[in-house]
């Protein structure tokens, strides 16, 4: 266990030699955090366990957005309560950085807001989802070869959600996931992966989000896709280990495209 993250037994028992011994000259992966409680979570422990260097760029703490992606081997964008359509200076800067990374074949990974940033940067759009999704909800894996490559034999799994907006697929994107109330839950463009749902969750993060989002949960209680904080937290023991299995597969697959 590293950083309070327990790794699935399948990860610990499976050789990952290409991950465990990166080149000494490997550039770090940049992880962009937009809110203190929406950090890299499980991903941070996974990268540490895999001996992959990474650097946190905390937008919420005033860190500057790099002007170029070429100082990093990959870019990861986490979630946040803001909209990519908000007039915030760092949003335009991150959009430009994503375009720079894609132009130079530097893999990009986005979680929720991060997935929306990738979509907007590459010509897609972000707008209000028909209904808000908060809590545990099943997502279905698309029936195509690219989805099989990312998700293996899985047909569906319970992901964690906390969003009111959704993205469209940019040109060249391959649809990967959908849920009952949100058609576009994930897509890939070559080595780049954008997620609307959250796979990076830890138990502590879920507890923190439920506490911070108490008013939002109450205001959205009538939505058929919004669960109570009690139900969300009661499901952690059953659902989180399975979500971590999915996260390990996706992060391993994404890292396969990261230069070392």
C-alpha atoms as a PDB file:
ATOM      1  CA  UNK A   1       0.000   0.000   0.000  1.00  0.00           C
ATOM      2  CA  UNK A   2       1.265   3.467  -0.927  1.00  0.00           C
ATOM      3  CA  UNK A   3      -0.341   6.739   0.044  1.00  0.00           C
ATOM      4  CA  UNK A   4      -3.245   4.944   1.674  1.00  0.00           C
ATOM      5  CA  UNK A   5      -4.203   3.223  -1.598  1.00  0.00           C
ATOM      6  CA  UNK A   6      -4.674  -0.541  -1.594  1.00  0.00           C
ATOM      7  CA  UNK A   7      -3.930  -2.079  -4.977  1.00  0.00           C
ATOM      8  CA  UNK A   8      -5.983  -4.926  -6.417  1.00  0.00           C
ATOM      9  CA  UNK A   9      -4.382  -8.327  -6.046  1.00  0.00           C
ATOM     10  CA  UNK A  10      -4.412  -8.772  -9.843  1.00  0.00           C
ATOM     11  CA  UNK A  11      -2.160  -5.729 -10.219  1.00  0.00           C
ATOM     12  CA  UNK A  12       0.241  -6.799  -7.509  1.00  0.00           C
ATOM     13  CA  UNK A  13       0.622 -10.297  -8.937  1.00  0.00           C
ATOM     14  CA  UNK A  14       0.930  -9.303 -12.605  1.00  0.00           C
ATOM     15  CA  UNK A  15       4.364  -8.410 -14.033  1.00  0.00           C
ATOM     16  CA  UNK A  16       4.508  -4.802 -15.234  1.00  0.00           C
ATOM     17  CA  UNK A  17       8.184  -4.648 -16.144  1.00  0.00           C
ATOM     18  CA  UNK A  18       7.661  -1.897 -18.706  1.00  0.00           C
ATOM     19  CA  UNK A  19       6.206   0.290 -15.959  1.00  0.00           C
ATOM     20  CA  UNK A  20       8.415  -0.622 -13.034  1.00  0.00           C
ATOM     21  CA  UNK A  21      11.671   0.373 -14.688  1.00  0.00           C
ATOM     22  CA  UNK A  22      11.237   3.662 -16.552  1.00  0.00           C
ATOM     23  CA  UNK A  23      14.219   5.218 -18.306  1.00  0.00           C
ATOM     24  CA  UNK A  24      16.183   7.467 -15.973  1.00  0.00           C
ATOM     25  CA  UNK A  25      15.576  10.316 -18.406  1.00  0.00           C
ATOM     26  CA  UNK A  26      11.787   9.871 -18.441  1.00  0.00           C
ATOM     27  CA  UNK A  27       9.991  13.186 -18.208  1.00  0.00           C
ATOM     28  CA  UNK A  28       7.337  13.450 -15.478  1.00  0.00           C
ATOM     29  CA  UNK A  29       3.626  13.167 -16.083  1.00  0.00           C
ATOM     30  CA  UNK A  30       1.907  16.463 -15.273  1.00  0.00           C
ATOM     31  CA  UNK A  31      -1.277  16.135 -13.214  1.00  0.00           C
ATOM     32  CA  UNK A  32      -3.540  19.195 -13.153  1.00  0.00           C
ATOM     33  CA  UNK A  33      -5.663  19.632 -10.026  1.00  0.00           C
ATOM     34  CA  UNK A  34      -8.468  22.203 -10.025  1.00  0.00           C
ATOM     35  CA  UNK A  35      -9.829  21.732  -6.487  1.00  0.00           C
ATOM     36  CA  UNK A  36      -8.000  20.496  -3.407  1.00  0.00           C
ATOM     37  CA  UNK A  37     -10.375  17.568  -2.763  1.00  0.00           C
ATOM     38  CA  UNK A  38     -10.363  16.506  -6.438  1.00  0.00           C
ATOM     39  CA  UNK A  39      -6.755  15.385  -6.662  1.00  0.00           C
ATOM     40  CA  UNK A  40      -5.251  12.373  -8.461  1.00  0.00           C
ATOM     41  CA  UNK A  41      -6.387   9.934  -5.765  1.00  0.00           C
ATOM     42  CA  UNK A  42      -5.873   6.319  -6.823  1.00  0.00           C
ATOM     43  CA  UNK A  43      -3.851   7.423  -9.850  1.00  0.00           C
ATOM     44  CA  UNK A  44      -1.138   8.944  -7.636  1.00  0.00           C
ATOM     45  CA  UNK A  45      -0.599   5.687  -5.788  1.00  0.00           C
ATOM     46  CA  UNK A  46      -0.674   3.729  -9.035  1.00  0.00           C
ATOM     47  CA  UNK A  47       2.047   5.908 -10.565  1.00  0.00           C
ATOM     48  CA  UNK A  48       4.182   5.648  -7.420  1.00  0.00           C
ATOM     49  CA  UNK A  49       3.779   1.867  -7.351  1.00  0.00           C
ATOM     50  CA  UNK A  50       4.695   1.744 -11.042  1.00  0.00           C
ATOM     51  CA  UNK A  51       7.780   3.923 -10.455  1.00  0.00           C
ATOM     52  CA  UNK A  52       6.518   6.591 -12.869  1.00  0.00           C
ATOM     53  CA  UNK A  53       7.579  10.193 -12.099  1.00  0.00           C
ATOM     54  CA  UNK A  54       4.788  12.755 -11.883  1.00  0.00           C
ATOM     55  CA  UNK A  55       4.348  16.414 -10.994  1.00  0.00           C
ATOM     56  CA  UNK A  56       1.261  18.023  -9.479  1.00  0.00           C
ATOM     57  CA  UNK A  57       0.204  21.343 -10.976  1.00  0.00           C
ATOM     58  CA  UNK A  58      -2.324  22.692  -8.484  1.00  0.00           C
ATOM     59  CA  UNK A  59      -4.402  25.301 -10.290  1.00  0.00           C
ATOM     60  CA  UNK A  60      -6.409  25.769  -7.082  1.00  0.00           C
ATOM     61  CA  UNK A  61      -3.199  26.819  -5.317  1.00  0.00           C
ATOM     62  CA  UNK A  62      -2.194  29.301  -7.994  1.00  0.00           C
ATOM     63  CA  UNK A  63       0.282  27.158  -9.935  1.00  0.00           C
ATOM     64  CA  UNK A  64       0.876  28.403 -13.461  1.00  0.00           C
ATOM     65  CA  UNK A  65      -0.164  26.400 -16.509  1.00  0.00           C
ATOM     66  CA  UNK A  66       2.958  25.491 -18.518  1.00  0.00           C
ATOM     67  CA  UNK A  67       3.162  27.119 -21.947  1.00  0.00           C
ATOM     68  CA  UNK A  68       4.367  23.907 -23.583  1.00  0.00           C
ATOM     69  CA  UNK A  69       3.595  20.225 -23.091  1.00  0.00           C
ATOM     70  CA  UNK A  70       7.040  19.170 -24.263  1.00  0.00           C
ATOM     71  CA  UNK A  71       8.519  19.148 -20.756  1.00  0.00           C
ATOM     72  CA  UNK A  72       6.262  16.200 -19.840  1.00  0.00           C
ATOM     73  CA  UNK A  73       5.741  12.628 -20.985  1.00  0.00           C
ATOM     74  CA  UNK A  74       1.960  12.890 -20.516  1.00  0.00           C
ATOM     75  CA  UNK A  75      -0.750  15.228 -19.232  1.00  0.00           C
ATOM     76  CA  UNK A  76      -3.553  14.277 -16.818  1.00  0.00           C
ATOM     77  CA  UNK A  77      -6.462  16.590 -16.028  1.00  0.00           C
ATOM     78  CA  UNK A  78      -8.590  15.971 -12.935  1.00  0.00           C
ATOM     79  CA  UNK A  79     -12.126  17.116 -12.128  1.00  0.00           C
ATOM     80  CA  UNK A  80     -13.580  20.258 -10.608  1.00  0.00           C
ATOM     81  CA  UNK A  81     -16.919  21.998  -9.953  1.00  0.00           C
ATOM     82  CA  UNK A  82     -16.374  24.665 -12.583  1.00  0.00           C
ATOM     83  CA  UNK A  83     -17.486  24.510 -16.228  1.00  0.00           C
ATOM     84  CA  UNK A  84     -15.075  24.520 -19.153  1.00  0.00           C
ATOM     85  CA  UNK A  85     -17.333  27.299 -20.506  1.00  0.00           C
ATOM     86  CA  UNK A  86     -16.545  29.584 -17.542  1.00  0.00           C
ATOM     87  CA  UNK A  87     -14.477  32.687 -18.172  1.00  0.00           C
ATOM     88  CA  UNK A  88     -11.429  31.613 -16.164  1.00  0.00           C
ATOM     89  CA  UNK A  89      -7.948  32.442 -17.509  1.00  0.00           C
ATOM     90  CA  UNK A  90      -6.451  29.026 -16.805  1.00  0.00           C
ATOM     91  CA  UNK A  91      -9.138  27.254 -18.842  1.00  0.00           C
ATOM     92  CA  UNK A  92      -7.969  28.828 -22.103  1.00  0.00           C
ATOM     93  CA  UNK A  93      -4.386  28.052 -21.104  1.00  0.00           C
ATOM     94  CA  UNK A  94      -5.164  24.389 -20.445  1.00  0.00           C
ATOM     95  CA  UNK A  95      -7.065  24.100 -23.722  1.00  0.00           C
ATOM     96  CA  UNK A  96      -4.036  25.437 -25.585  1.00  0.00           C
ATOM     97  CA  UNK A  97      -1.760  23.042 -23.679  1.00  0.00           C
ATOM     98  CA  UNK A  98      -3.945  20.051 -24.605  1.00  0.00           C
ATOM     99  CA  UNK A  99      -3.789  21.019 -28.269  1.00  0.00           C
ATOM    100  CA  UNK A 100      -0.007  21.356 -27.990  1.00  0.00           C
ATOM    101  CA  UNK A 101       0.264  17.896 -26.397  1.00  0.00           C
ATOM    102  CA  UNK A 102      -1.878  16.241 -29.072  1.00  0.00           C
ATOM    103  CA  UNK A 103       0.127  17.970 -31.825  1.00  0.00           C
ATOM    104  CA  UNK A 104       3.350  16.525 -30.364  1.00  0.00           C
ATOM    105  CA  UNK A 105       1.937  13.014 -29.664  1.00  0.00           C
ATOM    106  CA  UNK A 106       2.084  13.463 -25.891  1.00  0.00           C
ATOM    107  CA  UNK A 107      -0.722  11.325 -24.360  1.00  0.00           C
ATOM    108  CA  UNK A 108      -3.521  13.172 -22.547  1.00  0.00           C
ATOM    109  CA  UNK A 109      -5.907  11.719 -19.946  1.00  0.00           C
ATOM    110  CA  UNK A 110      -8.974  13.501 -18.555  1.00  0.00           C
ATOM    111  CA  UNK A 111     -11.320  12.741 -15.663  1.00  0.00           C
ATOM    112  CA  UNK A 112     -14.777  14.428 -15.726  1.00  0.00           C
ATOM    113  CA  UNK A 113     -13.898  18.150 -16.094  1.00  0.00           C
ATOM    114  CA  UNK A 114     -10.623  16.900 -17.563  1.00  0.00           C
ATOM    115  CA  UNK A 115     -12.470  14.897 -20.207  1.00  0.00           C
ATOM    116  CA  UNK A 116     -14.585  17.957 -20.998  1.00  0.00           C
ATOM    117  CA  UNK A 117     -11.442  20.071 -21.383  1.00  0.00           C
ATOM    118  CA  UNK A 118     -10.035  17.573 -23.896  1.00  0.00           C
ATOM    119  CA  UNK A 119     -13.295  17.592 -25.843  1.00  0.00           C
ATOM    120  CA  UNK A 120     -13.478  21.381 -26.058  1.00  0.00           C
ATOM    121  CA  UNK A 121      -9.780  21.694 -26.890  1.00  0.00           C
ATOM    122  CA  UNK A 122     -10.177  19.313 -29.844  1.00  0.00           C
ATOM    123  CA  UNK A 123     -13.305  20.858 -31.337  1.00  0.00           C
ATOM    124  CA  UNK A 124     -16.080  19.228 -29.329  1.00  0.00           C
ATOM    125  CA  UNK A 125     -18.570  21.026 -27.112  1.00  0.00           C
ATOM    126  CA  UNK A 126     -19.670  20.843 -23.485  1.00  0.00           C
ATOM    127  CA  UNK A 127     -23.243  21.528 -22.355  1.00  0.00           C
ATOM    128  CA  UNK A 128     -25.729  20.613 -19.666  1.00  0.00           C
ATOM    129  CA  UNK A 129     -26.519  16.908 -19.403  1.00  0.00           C
ATOM    130  CA  UNK A 130     -30.253  16.040 -19.456  1.00  0.00           C
ATOM    131  CA  UNK A 131     -30.017  15.245 -15.737  1.00  0.00           C
ATOM    132  CA  UNK A 132     -27.334  15.387 -13.074  1.00  0.00           C
ATOM    133  CA  UNK A 133     -25.505  12.165 -12.184  1.00  0.00           C
ATOM    134  CA  UNK A 134     -24.093  11.754  -8.670  1.00  0.00           C
ATOM    135  CA  UNK A 135     -23.092   8.465  -7.079  1.00  0.00           C
ATOM    136  CA  UNK A 136     -22.554   4.926  -8.315  1.00  0.00           C
ATOM    137  CA  UNK A 137     -23.993   4.093 -11.705  1.00  0.00           C
ATOM    138  CA  UNK A 138     -23.350   1.352 -14.252  1.00  0.00           C
ATOM    139  CA  UNK A 139     -21.624   2.257 -17.504  1.00  0.00           C
ATOM    140  CA  UNK A 140     -21.746   0.064 -20.614  1.00  0.00           C
ATOM    141  CA  UNK A 141     -18.676  -0.623 -22.724  1.00  0.00           C
ATOM    142  CA  UNK A 142     -19.180   0.115 -26.421  1.00  0.00           C
ATOM    143  CA  UNK A 143     -19.134  -2.757 -28.899  1.00  0.00           C
ATOM    144  CA  UNK A 144     -16.064  -1.870 -30.950  1.00  0.00           C
ATOM    145  CA  UNK A 145     -12.445  -3.038 -31.207  1.00  0.00           C
ATOM    146  CA  UNK A 146     -10.970   0.095 -29.630  1.00  0.00           C
ATOM    147  CA  UNK A 147     -13.222  -0.276 -26.577  1.00  0.00           C
ATOM    148  CA  UNK A 148     -12.160  -3.929 -26.266  1.00  0.00           C
ATOM    149  CA  UNK A 149      -8.545  -2.817 -26.364  1.00  0.00           C
ATOM    150  CA  UNK A 150      -9.094  -0.436 -23.451  1.00  0.00           C
ATOM    151  CA  UNK A 151     -11.522  -2.475 -21.345  1.00  0.00           C
ATOM    152  CA  UNK A 152     -10.813  -6.084 -22.257  1.00  0.00           C
ATOM    153  CA  UNK A 153     -13.736  -8.469 -21.855  1.00  0.00           C
ATOM    154  CA  UNK A 154     -15.734  -6.175 -19.520  1.00  0.00           C
ATOM    155  CA  UNK A 155     -19.205  -5.326 -20.827  1.00  0.00           C
ATOM    156  CA  UNK A 156     -20.135  -2.942 -18.008  1.00  0.00           C
ATOM    157  CA  UNK A 157     -19.030  -1.818 -14.560  1.00  0.00           C
ATOM    158  CA  UNK A 158     -20.143   0.538 -11.794  1.00  0.00           C
ATOM    159  CA  UNK A 159     -18.325   3.857 -12.087  1.00  0.00           C
ATOM    160  CA  UNK A 160     -18.481   6.867  -9.795  1.00  0.00           C
ATOM    161  CA  UNK A 161     -20.184  10.026 -11.084  1.00  0.00           C
ATOM    162  CA  UNK A 162     -20.514  13.645 -10.055  1.00  0.00           C
ATOM    163  CA  UNK A 163     -21.408  15.863 -12.998  1.00  0.00           C
ATOM    164  CA  UNK A 164     -24.122  18.064 -14.451  1.00  0.00           C
ATOM    165  CA  UNK A 165     -22.571  18.670 -17.876  1.00  0.00           C
ATOM    166  CA  UNK A 166     -21.431  16.373 -20.670  1.00  0.00           C
ATOM    167  CA  UNK A 167     -19.179  16.489 -23.722  1.00  0.00           C
ATOM    168  CA  UNK A 168     -19.599  15.671 -27.378  1.00  0.00           C
ATOM    169  CA  UNK A 169     -17.037  13.526 -29.170  1.00  0.00           C
ATOM    170  CA  UNK A 170     -14.447  15.497 -31.117  1.00  0.00           C
ATOM    171  CA  UNK A 171     -13.564  14.550 -34.683  1.00  0.00           C
ATOM    172  CA  UNK A 172     -11.687  11.249 -34.823  1.00  0.00           C
ATOM    173  CA  UNK A 173     -12.845  10.095 -31.384  1.00  0.00           C
ATOM    174  CA  UNK A 174     -14.032   6.525 -30.784  1.00  0.00           C
ATOM    175  CA  UNK A 175     -16.922   6.099 -28.346  1.00  0.00           C
ATOM    176  CA  UNK A 176     -16.069   3.845 -25.382  1.00  0.00           C
ATOM    177  CA  UNK A 177     -18.657   4.140 -22.596  1.00  0.00           C
ATOM    178  CA  UNK A 178     -22.261   5.205 -21.980  1.00  0.00           C
ATOM    179  CA  UNK A 179     -24.695   5.206 -19.068  1.00  0.00           C
ATOM    180  CA  UNK A 180     -28.478   5.292 -18.842  1.00  0.00           C
ATOM    181  CA  UNK A 181     -28.546   9.062 -18.366  1.00  0.00           C
ATOM    182  CA  UNK A 182     -25.399  10.144 -20.238  1.00  0.00           C
ATOM    183  CA  UNK A 183     -24.589   8.896 -23.725  1.00  0.00           C
ATOM    184  CA  UNK A 184     -20.938   9.938 -23.763  1.00  0.00           C
ATOM    185  CA  UNK A 185     -19.061   8.620 -20.746  1.00  0.00           C
ATOM    186  CA  UNK A 186     -15.690   8.051 -22.419  1.00  0.00           C
ATOM    187  CA  UNK A 187     -13.870   8.201 -25.739  1.00  0.00           C
ATOM    188  CA  UNK A 188     -10.389   7.650 -27.099  1.00  0.00           C
ATOM    189  CA  UNK A 189      -8.396   9.350 -29.840  1.00  0.00           C
ATOM    190  CA  UNK A 190      -5.288   7.249 -30.402  1.00  0.00           C
ATOM    191  CA  UNK A 191      -3.360   7.324 -27.084  1.00  0.00           C
ATOM    192  CA  UNK A 192      -5.610  10.005 -25.574  1.00  0.00           C
ATOM    193  CA  UNK A 193      -8.413   9.002 -23.170  1.00  0.00           C
ATOM    194  CA  UNK A 194     -11.272  11.209 -21.963  1.00  0.00           C
ATOM    195  CA  UNK A 195     -13.627  10.104 -19.200  1.00  0.00           C
ATOM    196  CA  UNK A 196     -16.838  11.719 -17.981  1.00  0.00           C
ATOM    197  CA  UNK A 197     -17.035   9.327 -15.040  1.00  0.00           C
ATOM    198  CA  UNK A 198     -14.495   9.048 -12.225  1.00  0.00           C
ATOM    199  CA  UNK A 199     -12.172   6.041 -11.922  1.00  0.00           C
ATOM    200  CA  UNK A 200      -9.627   7.782  -9.669  1.00  0.00           C
ATOM    201  CA  UNK A 201     -11.713   7.657  -6.502  1.00  0.00           C
ATOM    202  CA  UNK A 202     -10.530   6.579  -3.065  1.00  0.00           C
ATOM    203  CA  UNK A 203     -12.699   6.064  -0.003  1.00  0.00           C
ATOM    204  CA  UNK A 204     -11.406   9.294   1.528  1.00  0.00           C
ATOM    205  CA  UNK A 205     -12.210  11.262  -1.619  1.00  0.00           C
ATOM    206  CA  UNK A 206     -15.760   9.943  -1.684  1.00  0.00           C
ATOM    207  CA  UNK A 207     -16.270  10.876   1.968  1.00  0.00           C
ATOM    208  CA  UNK A 208     -14.849  14.372   1.330  1.00  0.00           C
ATOM    209  CA  UNK A 209     -16.997  14.939  -1.748  1.00  0.00           C
ATOM    210  CA  UNK A 210     -20.152  13.890   0.071  1.00  0.00           C
ATOM    211  CA  UNK A 211     -19.371  16.316   2.894  1.00  0.00           C
ATOM    212  CA  UNK A 212     -18.496  19.207   0.582  1.00  0.00           C
ATOM    213  CA  UNK A 213     -21.450  18.508  -1.719  1.00  0.00           C
ATOM    214  CA  UNK A 214     -24.106  18.125   0.965  1.00  0.00           C
ATOM    215  CA  UNK A 215     -26.158  21.075  -0.321  1.00  0.00           C
ATOM    216  CA  UNK A 216     -25.908  19.916  -3.933  1.00  0.00           C
ATOM    217  CA  UNK A 217     -27.055  16.434  -2.994  1.00  0.00           C
ATOM    218  CA  UNK A 218     -30.070  17.850  -1.138  1.00  0.00           C
ATOM    219  CA  UNK A 219     -30.982  20.208  -3.982  1.00  0.00           C
ATOM    220  CA  UNK A 220     -30.741  17.405  -6.552  1.00  0.00           C
ATOM    221  CA  UNK A 221     -32.454  14.684  -4.534  1.00  0.00           C
ATOM    222  CA  UNK A 222     -35.358  14.415  -6.990  1.00  0.00           C
ATOM    223  CA  UNK A 223     -33.082  13.382  -9.849  1.00  0.00           C
ATOM    224  CA  UNK A 224     -33.306   9.646 -10.634  1.00  0.00           C
ATOM    225  CA  UNK A 225     -29.517   9.597 -11.116  1.00  0.00           C
ATOM    226  CA  UNK A 226     -28.557  11.262  -7.821  1.00  0.00           C
ATOM    227  CA  UNK A 227     -27.990   9.060  -4.778  1.00  0.00           C
ATOM    228  CA  UNK A 228     -27.982  10.060  -1.133  1.00  0.00           C
ATOM    229  CA  UNK A 229     -24.677  10.485   0.684  1.00  0.00           C
ATOM    230  CA  UNK A 230     -25.624   7.542   2.890  1.00  0.00           C
ATOM    231  CA  UNK A 231     -26.134   5.213  -0.078  1.00  0.00           C
ATOM    232  CA  UNK A 232     -22.966   6.442  -1.796  1.00  0.00           C
ATOM    233  CA  UNK A 233     -20.841   5.764   1.270  1.00  0.00           C
ATOM    234  CA  UNK A 234     -22.522   2.448   2.069  1.00  0.00           C
ATOM    235  CA  UNK A 235     -21.490   1.190  -1.394  1.00  0.00           C
ATOM    236  CA  UNK A 236     -17.781   2.003  -1.040  1.00  0.00           C
ATOM    237  CA  UNK A 237     -16.715  -1.370   0.391  1.00  0.00           C
ATOM    238  CA  UNK A 238     -18.486  -3.321  -2.355  1.00  0.00           C
ATOM    239  CA  UNK A 239     -17.913  -1.135  -5.403  1.00  0.00           C
ATOM    240  CA  UNK A 240     -14.577   0.642  -4.937  1.00  0.00           C
ATOM    241  CA  UNK A 241     -12.300  -2.442  -5.243  1.00  0.00           C
ATOM    242  CA  UNK A 242     -13.963  -3.320  -8.563  1.00  0.00           C
ATOM    243  CA  UNK A 243     -13.568   0.261  -9.786  1.00  0.00           C
ATOM    244  CA  UNK A 244      -9.877   0.085  -8.901  1.00  0.00           C
ATOM    245  CA  UNK A 245      -9.559  -3.019 -11.089  1.00  0.00           C
ATOM    246  CA  UNK A 246     -10.886  -1.005 -14.011  1.00  0.00           C
ATOM    247  CA  UNK A 247      -8.640   1.933 -13.147  1.00  0.00           C
ATOM    248  CA  UNK A 248      -5.543  -0.285 -13.124  1.00  0.00           C
ATOM    249  CA  UNK A 249      -6.390  -1.609 -16.589  1.00  0.00           C
ATOM    250  CA  UNK A 250      -7.094   1.850 -18.039  1.00  0.00           C
ATOM    251  CA  UNK A 251      -4.072   3.528 -16.467  1.00  0.00           C
ATOM    252  CA  UNK A 252      -1.809   0.664 -17.591  1.00  0.00           C
ATOM    253  CA  UNK A 253      -3.195   0.889 -21.121  1.00  0.00           C
ATOM    254  CA  UNK A 254      -2.793   4.693 -21.171  1.00  0.00           C
ATOM    255  CA  UNK A 255       0.785   4.469 -19.885  1.00  0.00           C
ATOM    256  CA  UNK A 256       1.625   2.114 -22.758  1.00  0.00           C
ATOM    257  CA  UNK A 257       1.469   5.174 -25.012  1.00  0.00           C
ATOM    258  CA  UNK A 258       3.645   7.343 -22.758  1.00  0.00           C
ATOM    259  CA  UNK A 259       7.252   7.688 -24.023  1.00  0.00           C
ATOM    260  CA  UNK A 260       9.955   6.381 -21.711  1.00  0.00           C
END
